[in-house]
Amino acid sequence: MGEFAQRCVSSGNSRDILPPKYLSLDGAAPAAYYKVDMENIAPGYGNGPVKCDDNGVELEAIMVAGSVGIQRSESGKALDDGGFGVDCMQPVTGWWMFEKHAAKK
């Protein structure tokens, strides 16, 4: 059993993990990949308060940064079924800020 699965079993969350699927990447020895429901995955981003100076005007803002998405693409190689399609994924990172406003009453 893999380290991730062992931690989940010992924490009582084993019901969230399905049996592993064994996959091989680029001819390497097959490795176990466990399926985890999306609601059990922590977000890969964070936020925090920021003070901005916009040419002498101070603004209160919030900055958000981290891994905020997934880009899907096609390698051009044939899939297992002989067809072609999306077979690659990579993380998309980014950051942005927005100005805080007082709540309207």
Protein backbone atom coordinates (compact mmCIF):
# COMPACT_ATOMS: atom_id res chain seq x y z
CA MET A 1 0.00 0.00 0.00
CA GLY A 2 1.33 3.44 -0.92
CA GLU A 3 2.23 6.12 1.63
CA PHE A 4 -0.79 8.29 0.70
CA ALA A 5 -3.21 5.39 1.07
CA GLN A 6 -1.59 4.32 4.34
CA ARG A 7 -2.06 7.85 5.79
CA CYS A 8 -5.72 7.86 4.76
CA VAL A 9 -6.37 4.42 6.21
CA SER A 10 -4.72 5.35 9.50
CA SER A 11 -6.73 8.61 9.63
CA GLY A 12 -10.03 6.82 9.01
CA ASN A 13 -10.55 8.23 5.49
CA SER A 14 -10.02 4.97 3.61
CA ARG A 15 -13.62 5.01 2.35
CA ASP A 16 -12.63 7.97 0.11
CA ILE A 17 -10.02 5.95 -1.79
CA LEU A 18 -10.74 3.46 -4.53
CA PRO A 19 -8.32 0.62 -5.36
CA PRO A 20 -5.29 1.87 -7.29
CA LYS A 21 -4.97 1.90 -11.05
CA TYR A 22 -1.48 0.94 -12.21
CA LEU A 23 -0.09 3.19 -14.93
CA SER A 24 3.25 3.46 -16.67
CA LEU A 25 4.70 6.80 -17.79
CA ASP A 26 7.21 6.82 -20.67
CA GLY A 27 8.03 3.13 -20.25
CA ALA A 28 8.84 3.35 -16.53
CA ALA A 29 7.74 0.59 -14.17
CA PRO A 30 4.00 0.83 -13.46
CA ALA A 31 3.09 2.84 -10.36
CA ALA A 32 -0.11 2.87 -8.32
CA TYR A 33 -2.36 5.90 -8.69
CA TYR A 34 -5.24 6.22 -6.27
CA LYS A 35 -8.50 7.95 -7.14
CA VAL A 36 -9.52 10.65 -4.65
CA ASP A 37 -12.79 12.60 -4.83
CA MET A 38 -12.31 16.28 -5.72
CA GLU A 39 -13.91 17.49 -2.48
CA ASN A 40 -11.10 15.75 -0.57
CA ILE A 41 -8.34 17.71 -2.32
CA ALA A 42 -7.16 20.95 -0.72
CA PRO A 43 -7.00 24.02 -2.96
CA GLY A 44 -3.59 24.89 -4.37
CA TYR A 45 -3.88 28.62 -3.84
CA GLY A 46 -3.96 31.12 -1.03
CA ASN A 47 -4.86 34.73 -0.40
CA GLY A 48 -3.85 37.54 1.87
CA PRO A 49 -4.29 41.26 2.50
CA VAL A 50 -2.13 43.74 0.57
CA LYS A 51 -1.71 47.50 0.86
CA CYS A 52 -1.10 49.19 -2.51
CA ASP A 53 0.22 52.66 -3.26
CA ASP A 54 -1.28 53.82 -6.56
CA ASN A 55 0.61 57.08 -7.17
CA GLY A 56 0.05 58.27 -3.62
CA VAL A 57 -3.42 56.78 -3.19
CA GLU A 58 -3.35 53.91 -0.69
CA LEU A 59 -5.66 51.01 -1.43
CA GLU A 60 -6.60 47.95 0.62
CA ALA A 61 -6.54 44.84 -1.55
CA ILE A 62 -6.51 41.05 -1.48
CA MET A 63 -3.95 39.03 -3.46
CA VAL A 64 -4.74 35.51 -4.63
CA ALA A 65 -1.92 33.30 -5.94
CA GLY A 66 -1.16 29.66 -6.60
CA SER A 67 -2.07 26.77 -8.83
CA VAL A 68 -5.42 27.90 -10.17
CA GLY A 69 -6.19 25.58 -13.04
CA ILE A 70 -5.24 22.81 -15.44
CA GLN A 71 -4.33 23.22 -19.09
CA ARG A 72 -5.28 20.27 -21.29
CA SER A 73 -3.60 19.60 -24.63
CA GLU A 74 -2.93 16.97 -27.27
CA SER A 75 0.55 15.52 -27.81
CA GLY A 76 -0.28 14.38 -31.34
CA LYS A 77 0.50 10.77 -30.43
CA ALA A 78 -2.11 8.07 -30.95
CA LEU A 79 -4.16 7.06 -27.90
CA ASP A 80 -4.56 3.43 -26.78
CA ASP A 81 -7.67 3.12 -28.97
CA GLY A 82 -5.76 4.40 -32.03
CA GLY A 83 -7.54 7.75 -32.07
CA PHE A 84 -6.24 11.16 -31.11
CA GLY A 85 -7.34 13.52 -28.36
CA VAL A 86 -6.44 15.22 -25.11
CA ASP A 87 -3.70 13.22 -23.42
CA CYS A 88 -1.62 15.85 -21.57
CA MET A 89 -2.28 18.07 -18.58
CA GLN A 90 -0.16 20.66 -16.83
CA PRO A 91 -0.79 23.03 -13.94
CA VAL A 92 -1.63 26.67 -14.57
CA THR A 93 -0.28 29.10 -12.00
CA GLY A 94 -1.23 32.72 -11.60
CA TRP A 95 -1.87 35.61 -9.29
CA TRP A 96 -4.19 38.62 -9.17
CA MET A 97 -5.30 41.35 -6.81
CA PHE A 98 -8.60 43.02 -6.23
CA GLU A 99 -9.52 46.07 -4.23
CA LYS A 100 -11.52 45.59 -1.03
CA HIS A 101 -14.67 47.69 -0.72
CA ALA A 102 -16.80 48.31 2.34
CA ALA A 103 -20.00 46.27 2.40
CA LYS A 104 -23.09 48.19 1.31
CA LYS A 105 -25.82 48.54 3.92
